[in-house]
Amino acid sequence: MMANERAITGRSEKKINDGLDRVIAAMQRGLSTEGYLPGPIRLHRKAPLNYQRARGMSRNAEHLLVYLCSYTFAAAEENAAGHRVVTTPTCGTAGVIPALIVLLRRHGMIP
């Protein structure tokens, strides 16, 4: 994946990793920020609630899905809040890809 990213973007491995660190930091902020998203409909953030739920579950396949949902919501909610855009071009459903990578890293499935 790194070789492909370097070939497509022309960036160094360090720059790519720095960008990934910023994405992960944005998602972490989304996991810990409670309250409402900006805007007139006052949509309540779901990421922190799902994250706490996952942390309290027994370790099984379902708990990994709840973690994945919380990471995905964190990415989408940070986008919606006008903070770092974690995903492009849609800034929506593509949040699953960075969420999946965070899930795999945090739960020891990839280095």
PDB file of N, CA and C in Angstrom:
ATOM      1  N   MET A   1       0.824  -1.188   0.000  1.00  0.00           N
ATOM      2  CA  MET A   1       0.000   0.000   0.000  1.00  0.00           C
ATOM      3  C   MET A   1       0.869   1.253   0.000  1.00  0.00           C
ATOM      4  N   MET A   2       1.959   1.205   0.769  1.00  0.00           N
ATOM      5  CA  MET A   2       2.840   2.370   0.846  1.00  0.00           C
ATOM      6  C   MET A   2       3.468   2.654  -0.508  1.00  0.00           C
ATOM      7  N   ALA A   3       3.939   1.615  -1.186  1.00  0.00           N
ATOM      8  CA  ALA A   3       4.553   1.810  -2.504  1.00  0.00           C
ATOM      9  C   ALA A   3       3.555   2.415  -3.473  1.00  0.00           C
ATOM     10  N   ASN A   4       2.327   1.962  -3.417  1.00  0.00           N
ATOM     11  CA  ASN A   4       1.294   2.500  -4.294  1.00  0.00           C
ATOM     12  C   ASN A   4       1.019   3.976  -3.980  1.00  0.00           C
ATOM     13  N   GLU A   5       0.904   4.302  -2.713  1.00  0.00           N
ATOM     14  CA  GLU A   5       0.641   5.690  -2.306  1.00  0.00           C
ATOM     15  C   GLU A   5       1.793   6.611  -2.721  1.00  0.00           C
ATOM     16  N   ARG A   6       3.018   6.129  -2.547  1.00  0.00           N
ATOM     17  CA  ARG A   6       4.185   6.928  -2.946  1.00  0.00           C
ATOM     18  C   ARG A   6       4.182   7.156  -4.455  1.00  0.00           C
ATOM     19  N   ALA A   7       3.854   6.118  -5.224  1.00  0.00           N
ATOM     20  CA  ALA A   7       3.849   6.233  -6.686  1.00  0.00           C
ATOM     21  C   ALA A   7       2.762   7.187  -7.161  1.00  0.00           C
ATOM     22  N   ILE A   8       1.603   7.124  -6.543  1.00  0.00           N
ATOM     23  CA  ILE A   8       0.483   7.966  -6.984  1.00  0.00           C
ATOM     24  C   ILE A   8       0.657   9.415  -6.561  1.00  0.00           C
ATOM     25  N   THR A   9       1.104   9.636  -5.318  1.00  0.00           N
ATOM     26  CA  THR A   9       1.164  11.005  -4.796  1.00  0.00           C
ATOM     27  C   THR A   9       2.512  11.678  -4.978  1.00  0.00           C
ATOM     28  N   GLY A  10       3.569  10.873  -5.108  1.00  0.00           N
ATOM     29  CA  GLY A  10       4.909  11.436  -5.174  1.00  0.00           C
ATOM     30  C   GLY A  10       5.428  11.876  -3.814  1.00  0.00           C
ATOM     31  N   ARG A  11       4.712  11.558  -2.750  1.00  0.00           N
ATOM     32  CA  ARG A  11       5.118  11.945  -1.397  1.00  0.00           C
ATOM     33  C   ARG A  11       6.072  10.915  -0.803  1.00  0.00           C
ATOM     34  N   SER A  12       6.839  11.378   0.160  1.00  0.00           N
ATOM     35  CA  SER A  12       7.738  10.466   0.874  1.00  0.00           C
ATOM     36  C   SER A  12       6.926   9.639   1.869  1.00  0.00           C
ATOM     37  N   GLU A  13       7.529   8.567   2.346  1.00  0.00           N
ATOM     38  CA  GLU A  13       6.863   7.729   3.340  1.00  0.00           C
ATOM     39  C   GLU A  13       6.553   8.522   4.601  1.00  0.00           C
ATOM     40  N   LYS A  14       7.465   9.403   4.999  1.00  0.00           N
ATOM     41  CA  LYS A  14       7.236  10.232   6.188  1.00  0.00           C
ATOM     42  C   LYS A  14       6.022  11.134   6.003  1.00  0.00           C
ATOM     43  N   LYS A  15       5.915  11.781   4.843  1.00  0.00           N
ATOM     44  CA  LYS A  15       4.771  12.678   4.606  1.00  0.00           C
ATOM     45  C   LYS A  15       3.458  11.896   4.604  1.00  0.00           C
ATOM     46  N   ILE A  16       3.482  10.708   4.024  1.00  0.00           N
ATOM     47  CA  ILE A  16       2.277   9.877   4.008  1.00  0.00           C
ATOM     48  C   ILE A  16       1.896   9.487   5.428  1.00  0.00           C
ATOM     49  N   ASN A  17       2.865   9.040   6.213  1.00  0.00           N
ATOM     50  CA  ASN A  17       2.588   8.661   7.600  1.00  0.00           C
ATOM     51  C   ASN A  17       2.134   9.846   8.438  1.00  0.00           C
ATOM     52  N   ASP A  18       2.702  11.024   8.198  1.00  0.00           N
ATOM     53  CA  ASP A  18       2.251  12.226   8.909  1.00  0.00           C
ATOM     54  C   ASP A  18       0.790  12.525   8.592  1.00  0.00           C
ATOM     55  N   GLY A  19       0.410  12.362   7.334  1.00  0.00           N
ATOM     56  CA  GLY A  19      -0.985  12.570   6.944  1.00  0.00           C
ATOM     57  C   GLY A  19      -1.913  11.565   7.605  1.00  0.00           C
ATOM     58  N   LEU A  20      -1.475  10.312   7.658  1.00  0.00           N
ATOM     59  CA  LEU A  20      -2.273   9.289   8.328  1.00  0.00           C
ATOM     60  C   LEU A  20      -2.409   9.590   9.818  1.00  0.00           C
ATOM     61  N   ASP A  21      -1.340  10.083  10.433  1.00  0.00           N
ATOM     62  CA  ASP A  21      -1.409  10.460  11.850  1.00  0.00           C
ATOM     63  C   ASP A  21      -2.434  11.568  12.076  1.00  0.00           C
ATOM     64  N   ARG A  22      -2.533  12.514  11.144  1.00  0.00           N
ATOM     65  CA  ARG A  22      -3.520  13.591  11.275  1.00  0.00           C
ATOM     66  C   ARG A  22      -4.945  13.040  11.148  1.00  0.00           C
ATOM     67  N   VAL A  23      -5.133  12.092  10.258  1.00  0.00           N
ATOM     68  CA  VAL A  23      -6.449  11.456  10.102  1.00  0.00           C
ATOM     69  C   VAL A  23      -6.818  10.729  11.393  1.00  0.00           C
ATOM     70  N   ILE A  24      -5.892   9.970  11.943  1.00  0.00           N
ATOM     71  CA  ILE A  24      -6.150   9.225  13.177  1.00  0.00           C
ATOM     72  C   ILE A  24      -6.438  10.182  14.333  1.00  0.00           C
ATOM     73  N   ALA A  25      -5.703  11.289  14.408  1.00  0.00           N
ATOM     74  CA  ALA A  25      -5.946  12.276  15.468  1.00  0.00           C
ATOM     75  C   ALA A  25      -7.339  12.889  15.339  1.00  0.00           C
ATOM     76  N   ALA A  26      -7.773  13.153  14.114  1.00  0.00           N
ATOM     77  CA  ALA A  26      -9.114  13.699  13.904  1.00  0.00           C
ATOM     78  C   ALA A  26     -10.171  12.695  14.341  1.00  0.00           C
ATOM     79  N   MET A  27      -9.950  11.433  14.007  1.00  0.00           N
ATOM     80  CA  MET A  27     -10.905  10.414  14.412  1.00  0.00           C
ATOM     81  C   MET A  27     -10.917  10.259  15.930  1.00  0.00           C
ATOM     82  N   GLN A  28      -9.765  10.346  16.567  1.00  0.00           N
ATOM     83  CA  GLN A  28      -9.700  10.268  18.030  1.00  0.00           C
ATOM     84  C   GLN A  28     -10.472  11.428  18.655  1.00  0.00           C
ATOM     85  N   ARG A  29     -10.333  12.605  18.083  1.00  0.00           N
ATOM     86  CA  ARG A  29     -11.079  13.765  18.583  1.00  0.00           C
ATOM     87  C   ARG A  29     -12.584  13.495  18.453  1.00  0.00           C
ATOM     88  N   GLY A  30     -12.982  12.876  17.340  1.00  0.00           N
ATOM     89  CA  GLY A  30     -14.390  12.545  17.145  1.00  0.00           C
ATOM     90  C   GLY A  30     -14.906  11.527  18.141  1.00  0.00           C
ATOM     91  N   LEU A  31     -14.027  10.644  18.612  1.00  0.00           N
ATOM     92  CA  LEU A  31     -14.435   9.646  19.601  1.00  0.00           C
ATOM     93  C   LEU A  31     -14.636  10.245  20.984  1.00  0.00           C
ATOM     94  N   SER A  32     -13.990  11.366  21.242  1.00  0.00           N
ATOM     95  CA  SER A  32     -14.050  11.951  22.587  1.00  0.00           C
ATOM     96  C   SER A  32     -14.858  13.241  22.661  1.00  0.00           C
ATOM     97  N   THR A  33     -15.385  13.703  21.533  1.00  0.00           N
ATOM     98  CA  THR A  33     -16.156  14.946  21.538  1.00  0.00           C
ATOM     99  C   THR A  33     -17.638  14.629  21.608  1.00  0.00           C
ATOM    100  N   GLU A  34     -18.272  15.018  22.688  1.00  0.00           N
ATOM    101  CA  GLU A  34     -19.694  14.759  22.874  1.00  0.00           C
ATOM    102  C   GLU A  34     -20.490  16.010  22.540  1.00  0.00           C
ATOM    103  N   GLY A  35     -21.787  15.848  22.468  1.00  0.00           N
ATOM    104  CA  GLY A  35     -22.661  16.988  22.225  1.00  0.00           C
ATOM    105  C   GLY A  35     -23.318  16.917  20.864  1.00  0.00           C
ATOM    106  N   TYR A  36     -23.537  18.103  20.297  1.00  0.00           N
ATOM    107  CA  TYR A  36     -24.280  18.221  19.048  1.00  0.00           C
ATOM    108  C   TYR A  36     -23.387  18.754  17.941  1.00  0.00           C
ATOM    109  N   LEU A  37     -23.696  18.322  16.729  1.00  0.00           N
ATOM    110  CA  LEU A  37     -23.002  18.866  15.561  1.00  0.00           C
ATOM    111  C   LEU A  37     -23.546  20.254  15.261  1.00  0.00           C
ATOM    112  N   PRO A  38     -22.727  21.116  14.664  1.00  0.00           N
ATOM    113  CA  PRO A  38     -23.227  22.449  14.332  1.00  0.00           C
ATOM    114  C   PRO A  38     -24.337  22.354  13.287  1.00  0.00           C
ATOM    115  N   GLY A  39     -25.224  23.304  13.324  1.00  0.00           N
ATOM    116  CA  GLY A  39     -26.311  23.338  12.348  1.00  0.00           C
ATOM    117  C   GLY A  39     -27.663  23.391  13.023  1.00  0.00           C
ATOM    118  N   PRO A  40     -28.663  23.691  12.250  1.00  0.00           N
ATOM    119  CA  PRO A  40     -29.992  23.933  12.827  1.00  0.00           C
ATOM    120  C   PRO A  40     -30.723  22.681  13.307  1.00  0.00           C
ATOM    121  N   ILE A  41     -30.347  21.479  12.867  1.00  0.00           N
ATOM    122  CA  ILE A  41     -31.105  20.297  13.283  1.00  0.00           C
ATOM    123  C   ILE A  41     -30.610  19.688  14.592  1.00  0.00           C
ATOM    124  N   ARG A  42     -29.501  20.179  15.113  1.00  0.00           N
ATOM    125  CA  ARG A  42     -28.952  19.738  16.398  1.00  0.00           C
ATOM    126  C   ARG A  42     -28.815  18.217  16.464  1.00  0.00           C
ATOM    127  N   LEU A  43     -28.104  17.666  15.510  1.00  0.00           N
ATOM    128  CA  LEU A  43     -27.856  16.233  15.457  1.00  0.00           C
ATOM    129  C   LEU A  43     -26.850  15.849  16.533  1.00  0.00           C
ATOM    130  N   HIS A  44     -27.226  14.903  17.355  1.00  0.00           N
ATOM    131  CA  HIS A  44     -26.370  14.463  18.460  1.00  0.00           C
ATOM    132  C   HIS A  44     -25.261  13.563  17.937  1.00  0.00           C
ATOM    133  N   ARG A  45     -24.039  13.774  18.425  1.00  0.00           N
ATOM    134  CA  ARG A  45     -22.912  12.928  18.023  1.00  0.00           C
ATOM    135  C   ARG A  45     -23.108  11.498  18.534  1.00  0.00           C
ATOM    136  N   LYS A  46     -22.795  10.530  17.666  1.00  0.00           N
ATOM    137  CA  LYS A  46     -22.969   9.124  18.017  1.00  0.00           C
ATOM    138  C   LYS A  46     -21.646   8.423  18.328  1.00  0.00           C
ATOM    139  N   ALA A  47     -20.542   8.924  17.805  1.00  0.00           N
ATOM    140  CA  ALA A  47     -19.253   8.235  17.941  1.00  0.00           C
ATOM    141  C   ALA A  47     -18.866   7.972  19.391  1.00  0.00           C
ATOM    142  N   PRO A  48     -18.903   8.974  20.273  1.00  0.00           N
ATOM    143  CA  PRO A  48     -18.463   8.701  21.645  1.00  0.00           C
ATOM    144  C   PRO A  48     -19.357   7.695  22.371  1.00  0.00           C
ATOM    145  N   LEU A  49     -20.646   7.727  22.090  1.00  0.00           N
ATOM    146  CA  LEU A  49     -21.563   6.781  22.735  1.00  0.00           C
ATOM    147  C   LEU A  49     -21.296   5.354  22.268  1.00  0.00           C
ATOM    148  N   ASN A  50     -21.119   5.179  20.958  1.00  0.00           N
ATOM    149  CA  ASN A  50     -20.814   3.845  20.429  1.00  0.00           C
ATOM    150  C   ASN A  50     -19.468   3.343  20.935  1.00  0.00           C
ATOM    151  N   TYR A  51     -18.499   4.246  21.024  1.00  0.00           N
ATOM    152  CA  TYR A  51     -17.159   3.870  21.485  1.00  0.00           C
ATOM    153  C   TYR A  51     -17.217   3.361  22.922  1.00  0.00           C
ATOM    154  N   GLN A  52     -17.935   4.073  23.780  1.00  0.00           N
ATOM    155  CA  GLN A  52     -18.067   3.637  25.177  1.00  0.00           C
ATOM    156  C   GLN A  52     -18.804   2.301  25.260  1.00  0.00           C
ATOM    157  N   ARG A  53     -19.804   2.137  24.409  1.00  0.00           N
ATOM    158  CA  ARG A  53     -20.537   0.865  24.379  1.00  0.00           C
ATOM    159  C   ARG A  53     -19.605  -0.279  23.996  1.00  0.00           C
ATOM    160  N   ALA A  54     -18.784  -0.068  22.967  1.00  0.00           N
ATOM    161  CA  ALA A  54     -17.856  -1.110  22.510  1.00  0.00           C
ATOM    162  C   ALA A  54     -16.860  -1.473  23.597  1.00  0.00           C
ATOM    163  N   ARG A  55     -16.385  -0.471  24.314  1.00  0.00           N
ATOM    164  CA  ARG A  55     -15.403  -0.722  25.373  1.00  0.00           C
ATOM    165  C   ARG A  55     -15.974  -1.566  26.502  1.00  0.00           C
ATOM    166  N   GLY A  56     -17.287  -1.512  26.699  1.00  0.00           N
ATOM    167  CA  GLY A  56     -17.920  -2.270  27.761  1.00  0.00           C
ATOM    168  C   GLY A  56     -18.390  -3.660  27.348  1.00  0.00           C
ATOM    169  N   MET A  57     -18.260  -3.978  26.080  1.00  0.00           N
ATOM    170  CA  MET A  57     -18.745  -5.275  25.587  1.00  0.00           C
ATOM    171  C   MET A  57     -17.705  -6.372  25.783  1.00  0.00           C
ATOM    172  N   SER A  58     -18.185  -7.603  25.809  1.00  0.00           N
ATOM    173  CA  SER A  58     -17.252  -8.729  25.821  1.00  0.00           C
ATOM    174  C   SER A  58     -16.598  -8.824  24.446  1.00  0.00           C
ATOM    175  N   ARG A  59     -15.419  -9.393  24.416  1.00  0.00           N
ATOM    176  CA  ARG A  59     -14.644  -9.469  23.173  1.00  0.00           C
ATOM    177  C   ARG A  59     -15.208 -10.564  22.279  1.00  0.00           C
ATOM    178  N   ASN A  60     -15.861 -10.131  21.219  1.00  0.00           N
ATOM    179  CA  ASN A  60     -16.385 -11.054  20.215  1.00  0.00           C
ATOM    180  C   ASN A  60     -16.493 -10.291  18.891  1.00  0.00           C
ATOM    181  N   ALA A  61     -17.002 -10.934  17.877  1.00  0.00           N
ATOM    182  CA  ALA A  61     -17.095 -10.287  16.561  1.00  0.00           C
ATOM    183  C   ALA A  61     -17.998  -9.061  16.613  1.00  0.00           C
ATOM    184  N   GLU A  62     -19.053  -9.118  17.395  1.00  0.00           N
ATOM    185  CA  GLU A  62     -19.976  -7.982  17.474  1.00  0.00           C
ATOM    186  C   GLU A  62     -19.291  -6.747  18.056  1.00  0.00           C
ATOM    187  N   HIS A  63     -18.437  -6.933  19.048  1.00  0.00           N
ATOM    188  CA  HIS A  63     -17.789  -5.762  19.644  1.00  0.00           C
ATOM    189  C   HIS A  63     -16.882  -5.084  18.624  1.00  0.00           C
ATOM    190  N   LEU A  64     -16.271  -5.838  17.706  1.00  0.00           N
ATOM    191  CA  LEU A  64     -15.453  -5.228  16.661  1.00  0.00           C
ATOM    192  C   LEU A  64     -16.312  -4.408  15.702  1.00  0.00           C
ATOM    193  N   LEU A  65     -17.519  -4.874  15.414  1.00  0.00           N
ATOM    194  CA  LEU A  65     -18.415  -4.103  14.548  1.00  0.00           C
ATOM    195  C   LEU A  65     -18.857  -2.798  15.211  1.00  0.00           C
ATOM    196  N   VAL A  66     -19.072  -2.831  16.508  1.00  0.00           N
ATOM    197  CA  VAL A  66     -19.449  -1.611  17.225  1.00  0.00           C
ATOM    198  C   VAL A  66     -18.270  -0.634  17.244  1.00  0.00           C
ATOM    199  N   TYR A  67     -17.058  -1.148  17.440  1.00  0.00           N
ATOM    200  CA  TYR A  67     -15.876  -0.281  17.328  1.00  0.00           C
ATOM    201  C   TYR A  67     -15.794   0.322  15.926  1.00  0.00           C
ATOM    202  N   LEU A  68     -15.976  -0.501  14.891  1.00  0.00           N
ATOM    203  CA  LEU A  68     -15.901  -0.010  13.517  1.00  0.00           C
ATOM    204  C   LEU A  68     -16.930   1.097  13.287  1.00  0.00           C
ATOM    205  N   CYS A  69     -18.131   0.912  13.778  1.00  0.00           N
ATOM    206  CA  CYS A  69     -19.159   1.952  13.636  1.00  0.00           C
ATOM    207  C   CYS A  69     -18.748   3.233  14.358  1.00  0.00           C
ATOM    208  N   SER A  70     -18.169   3.098  15.543  1.00  0.00           N
ATOM    209  CA  SER A  70     -17.775   4.299  16.286  1.00  0.00           C
ATOM    210  C   SER A  70     -16.664   5.044  15.552  1.00  0.00           C
ATOM    211  N   TYR A  71     -15.698   4.327  14.973  1.00  0.00           N
ATOM    212  CA  TYR A  71     -14.630   4.991  14.224  1.00  0.00           C
ATOM    213  C   TYR A  71     -15.187   5.664  12.969  1.00  0.00           C
ATOM    214  N   THR A  72     -16.143   5.005  12.315  1.00  0.00           N
ATOM    215  CA  THR A  72     -16.747   5.585  11.110  1.00  0.00           C
ATOM    216  C   THR A  72     -17.539   6.833  11.454  1.00  0.00           C
ATOM    217  N   PHE A  73     -18.337   6.768  12.522  1.00  0.00           N
ATOM    218  CA  PHE A  73     -19.068   7.954  12.958  1.00  0.00           C
ATOM    219  C   PHE A  73     -18.102   9.071  13.331  1.00  0.00           C
ATOM    220  N   ALA A  74     -17.000   8.746  13.979  1.00  0.00           N
ATOM    221  CA  ALA A  74     -16.023   9.770  14.370  1.00  0.00           C
ATOM    222  C   ALA A  74     -15.506  10.512  13.147  1.00  0.00           C
ATOM    223  N   ALA A  75     -15.181   9.777  12.084  1.00  0.00           N
ATOM    224  CA  ALA A  75     -14.703  10.411  10.850  1.00  0.00           C
ATOM    225  C   ALA A  75     -15.781  11.308  10.253  1.00  0.00           C
ATOM    226  N   ALA A  76     -16.982  10.792  10.140  1.00  0.00           N
ATOM    227  CA  ALA A  76     -18.080  11.553   9.533  1.00  0.00           C
ATOM    228  C   ALA A  76     -18.447  12.777  10.371  1.00  0.00           C
ATOM    229  N   GLU A  77     -18.440  12.619  11.687  1.00  0.00           N
ATOM    230  CA  GLU A  77     -18.818  13.737  12.545  1.00  0.00           C
ATOM    231  C   GLU A  77     -17.761  14.836  12.555  1.00  0.00           C
ATOM    232  N   GLU A  78     -16.499  14.473  12.451  1.00  0.00           N
ATOM    233  CA  GLU A  78     -15.461  15.500  12.335  1.00  0.00           C
ATOM    234  C   GLU A  78     -15.599  16.248  11.010  1.00  0.00           C
ATOM    235  N   ASN A  79     -15.936  15.532   9.955  1.00  0.00           N
ATOM    236  CA  ASN A  79     -16.204  16.195   8.674  1.00  0.00           C
ATOM    237  C   ASN A  79     -17.381  17.152   8.820  1.00  0.00           C
ATOM    238  N   ALA A  80     -18.470  16.673   9.407  1.00  0.00           N
ATOM    239  CA  ALA A  80     -19.688  17.473   9.547  1.00  0.00           C
ATOM    240  C   ALA A  80     -19.491  18.675  10.458  1.00  0.00           C
ATOM    241  N   ALA A  81     -18.586  18.552  11.421  1.00  0.00           N
ATOM    242  CA  ALA A  81     -18.338  19.651  12.352  1.00  0.00           C
ATOM    243  C   ALA A  81     -17.464  20.740  11.729  1.00  0.00           C
ATOM    244  N   GLY A  82     -16.976  20.469  10.516  1.00  0.00           N
ATOM    245  CA  GLY A  82     -16.134  21.464   9.849  1.00  0.00           C
ATOM    246  C   GLY A  82     -14.687  21.409  10.271  1.00  0.00           C
ATOM    247  N   HIS A  83     -14.295  20.301  10.888  1.00  0.00           N
ATOM    248  CA  HIS A  83     -12.900  20.137  11.290  1.00  0.00           C
ATOM    249  C   HIS A  83     -12.131  19.478  10.154  1.00  0.00           C
ATOM    250  N   ARG A  84     -11.123  18.742  10.456  1.00  0.00           N
ATOM    251  CA  ARG A  84     -10.326  18.081   9.412  1.00  0.00           C
ATOM    252  C   ARG A  84     -11.213  17.160   8.596  1.00  0.00           C
ATOM    253  N   VAL A  85     -11.114  17.293   7.272  1.00  0.00           N
ATOM    254  CA  VAL A  85     -11.827  16.381   6.390  1.00  0.00           C
ATOM    255  C   VAL A  85     -11.027  15.094   6.332  1.00  0.00           C
ATOM    256  N   VAL A  86     -11.619  14.029   6.850  1.00  0.00           N
ATOM    257  CA  VAL A  86     -10.931  12.757   6.952  1.00  0.00           C
ATOM    258  C   VAL A  86     -11.013  12.004   5.637  1.00  0.00           C
ATOM    259  N   THR A  87     -12.110  12.153   4.933  1.00  0.00           N
ATOM    260  CA  THR A  87     -12.323  11.393   3.708  1.00  0.00           C
ATOM    261  C   THR A  87     -12.714  12.299   2.562  1.00  0.00           C
ATOM    262  N   THR A  88     -12.319  11.901   1.379  1.00  0.00           N
ATOM    263  CA  THR A  88     -12.728  12.598   0.171  1.00  0.00           C
ATOM    264  C   THR A  88     -12.942  11.558  -0.909  1.00  0.00           C
ATOM    265  N   PRO A  89     -13.645  11.796  -1.976  1.00  0.00           N
ATOM    266  CA  PRO A  89     -14.301  13.057  -2.322  1.00  0.00           C
ATOM    267  C   PRO A  89     -15.678  13.212  -1.704  1.00  0.00           C
ATOM    268  N   THR A  90     -16.279  12.133  -1.207  1.00  0.00           N
ATOM    269  CA  THR A  90     -17.667  12.224  -0.765  1.00  0.00           C
ATOM    270  C   THR A  90     -17.827  12.749   0.646  1.00  0.00           C
ATOM    271  N   CYS A  91     -16.784  12.667   1.452  1.00  0.00           N
ATOM    272  CA  CYS A  91     -16.858  13.070   2.869  1.00  0.00           C
ATOM    273  C   CYS A  91     -18.000  12.354   3.572  1.00  0.00           C
ATOM    274  N   GLY A  92     -18.307  11.162   3.132  1.00  0.00           N
ATOM    275  CA  GLY A  92     -19.409  10.423   3.728  1.00  0.00           C
ATOM    276  C   GLY A  92     -19.066   8.972   3.899  1.00  0.00           C
ATOM    277  N   THR A  93     -19.583   8.152   3.023  1.00  0.00           N
ATOM    278  CA  THR A  93     -19.437   6.710   3.174  1.00  0.00           C
ATOM    279  C   THR A  93     -17.993   6.258   3.104  1.00  0.00           C
ATOM    280  N   ALA A  94     -17.116   7.024   2.483  1.00  0.00           N
ATOM    281  CA  ALA A  94     -15.707   6.627   2.402  1.00  0.00           C
ATOM    282  C   ALA A  94     -15.036   6.642   3.767  1.00  0.00           C
ATOM    283  N   GLY A  95     -15.694   7.137   4.800  1.00  0.00           N
ATOM    284  CA  GLY A  95     -15.154   7.100   6.152  1.00  0.00           C
ATOM    285  C   GLY A  95     -14.949   5.687   6.659  1.00  0.00           C
ATOM    286  N   VAL A  96     -15.571   4.722   6.001  1.00  0.00           N
ATOM    287  CA  VAL A  96     -15.414   3.327   6.400  1.00  0.00           C
ATOM    288  C   VAL A  96     -13.981   2.863   6.193  1.00  0.00           C
ATOM    289  N   ILE A  97     -13.318   3.324   5.142  1.00  0.00           N
ATOM    290  CA  ILE A  97     -11.954   2.871   4.853  1.00  0.00           C
ATOM    291  C   ILE A  97     -10.986   3.314   5.951  1.00  0.00           C
ATOM    292  N   PRO A  98     -10.896   4.609   6.304  1.00  0.00           N
ATOM    293  CA  PRO A  98      -9.998   4.959   7.410  1.00  0.00           C
ATOM    294  C   PRO A  98     -10.427   4.320   8.726  1.00  0.00           C
ATOM    295  N   ALA A  99     -11.728   4.154   8.933  1.00  0.00           N
ATOM    296  CA  ALA A  99     -12.200   3.510  10.161  1.00  0.00           C
ATOM    297  C   ALA A  99     -11.744   2.062  10.226  1.00  0.00           C
ATOM    298  N   LEU A 100     -11.784   1.380   9.106  1.00  0.00           N
ATOM    299  CA  LEU A 100     -11.348  -0.013   9.070  1.00  0.00           C
ATOM    300  C   LEU A 100      -9.854  -0.119   9.367  1.00  0.00           C
ATOM    301  N   ILE A 101      -9.069   0.808   8.833  1.00  0.00           N
ATOM    302  CA  ILE A 101      -7.629   0.799   9.089  1.00  0.00           C
ATOM    303  C   ILE A 101      -7.349   1.058  10.573  1.00  0.00           C
ATOM    304  N   VAL A 102      -8.062   2.004  11.167  1.00  0.00           N
ATOM    305  CA  VAL A 102      -7.894   2.274  12.597  1.00  0.00           C
ATOM    306  C   VAL A 102      -8.297   1.049  13.408  1.00  0.00           C
ATOM    307  N   LEU A 103      -9.393   0.408  13.052  1.00  0.00           N
ATOM    308  CA  LEU A 103      -9.821  -0.803  13.751  1.00  0.00           C
ATOM    309  C   LEU A 103      -8.731  -1.870  13.691  1.00  0.00           C
ATOM    310  N   LEU A 104      -8.195  -2.106  12.517  1.00  0.00           N
ATOM    311  CA  LEU A 104      -7.180  -3.141  12.362  1.00  0.00           C
ATOM    312  C   LEU A 104      -5.916  -2.819  13.155  1.00  0.00           C
ATOM    313  N   ARG A 105      -5.514  -1.532  13.170  1.00  0.00           N
ATOM    314  CA  ARG A 105      -4.313  -1.153  13.923  1.00  0.00           C
ATOM    315  C   ARG A 105      -4.538  -1.231  15.427  1.00  0.00           C
ATOM    316  N   ARG A 106      -5.637  -0.671  15.900  1.00  0.00           N
ATOM    317  CA  ARG A 106      -5.884  -0.592  17.340  1.00  0.00           C
ATOM    318  C   ARG A 106      -6.145  -1.948  17.977  1.00  0.00           C
ATOM    319  N   HIS A 107      -6.595  -2.881  17.187  1.00  0.00           N
ATOM    320  CA  HIS A 107      -6.965  -4.176  17.747  1.00  0.00           C
ATOM    321  C   HIS A 107      -5.991  -5.263  17.322  1.00  0.00           C
ATOM    322  N   GLY A 108      -4.774  -4.834  16.964  1.00  0.00           N
ATOM    323  CA  GLY A 108      -3.657  -5.750  16.760  1.00  0.00           C
ATOM    324  C   GLY A 108      -3.714  -6.638  15.546  1.00  0.00           C
ATOM    325  N   MET A 109      -4.459  -6.248  14.532  1.00  0.00           N
ATOM    326  CA  MET A 109      -4.553  -7.084  13.348  1.00  0.00           C
ATOM    327  C   MET A 109      -3.545  -6.693  12.262  1.00  0.00           C
ATOM    328  N   ILE A 110      -3.047  -5.453  12.321  1.00  0.00           N
ATOM    329  CA  ILE A 110      -1.964  -4.992  11.459  1.00  0.00           C
ATOM    330  C   ILE A 110      -1.029  -4.128  12.304  1.00  0.00           C
ATOM    331  N   PRO A 111       0.248  -4.043  11.895  1.00  0.00           N
ATOM    332  CA  PRO A 111       1.200  -3.226  12.686  1.00  0.00           C
ATOM    333  C   PRO A 111       0.929  -1.735  12.538  1.00  0.00           C
TER     334      PRO A 111
END
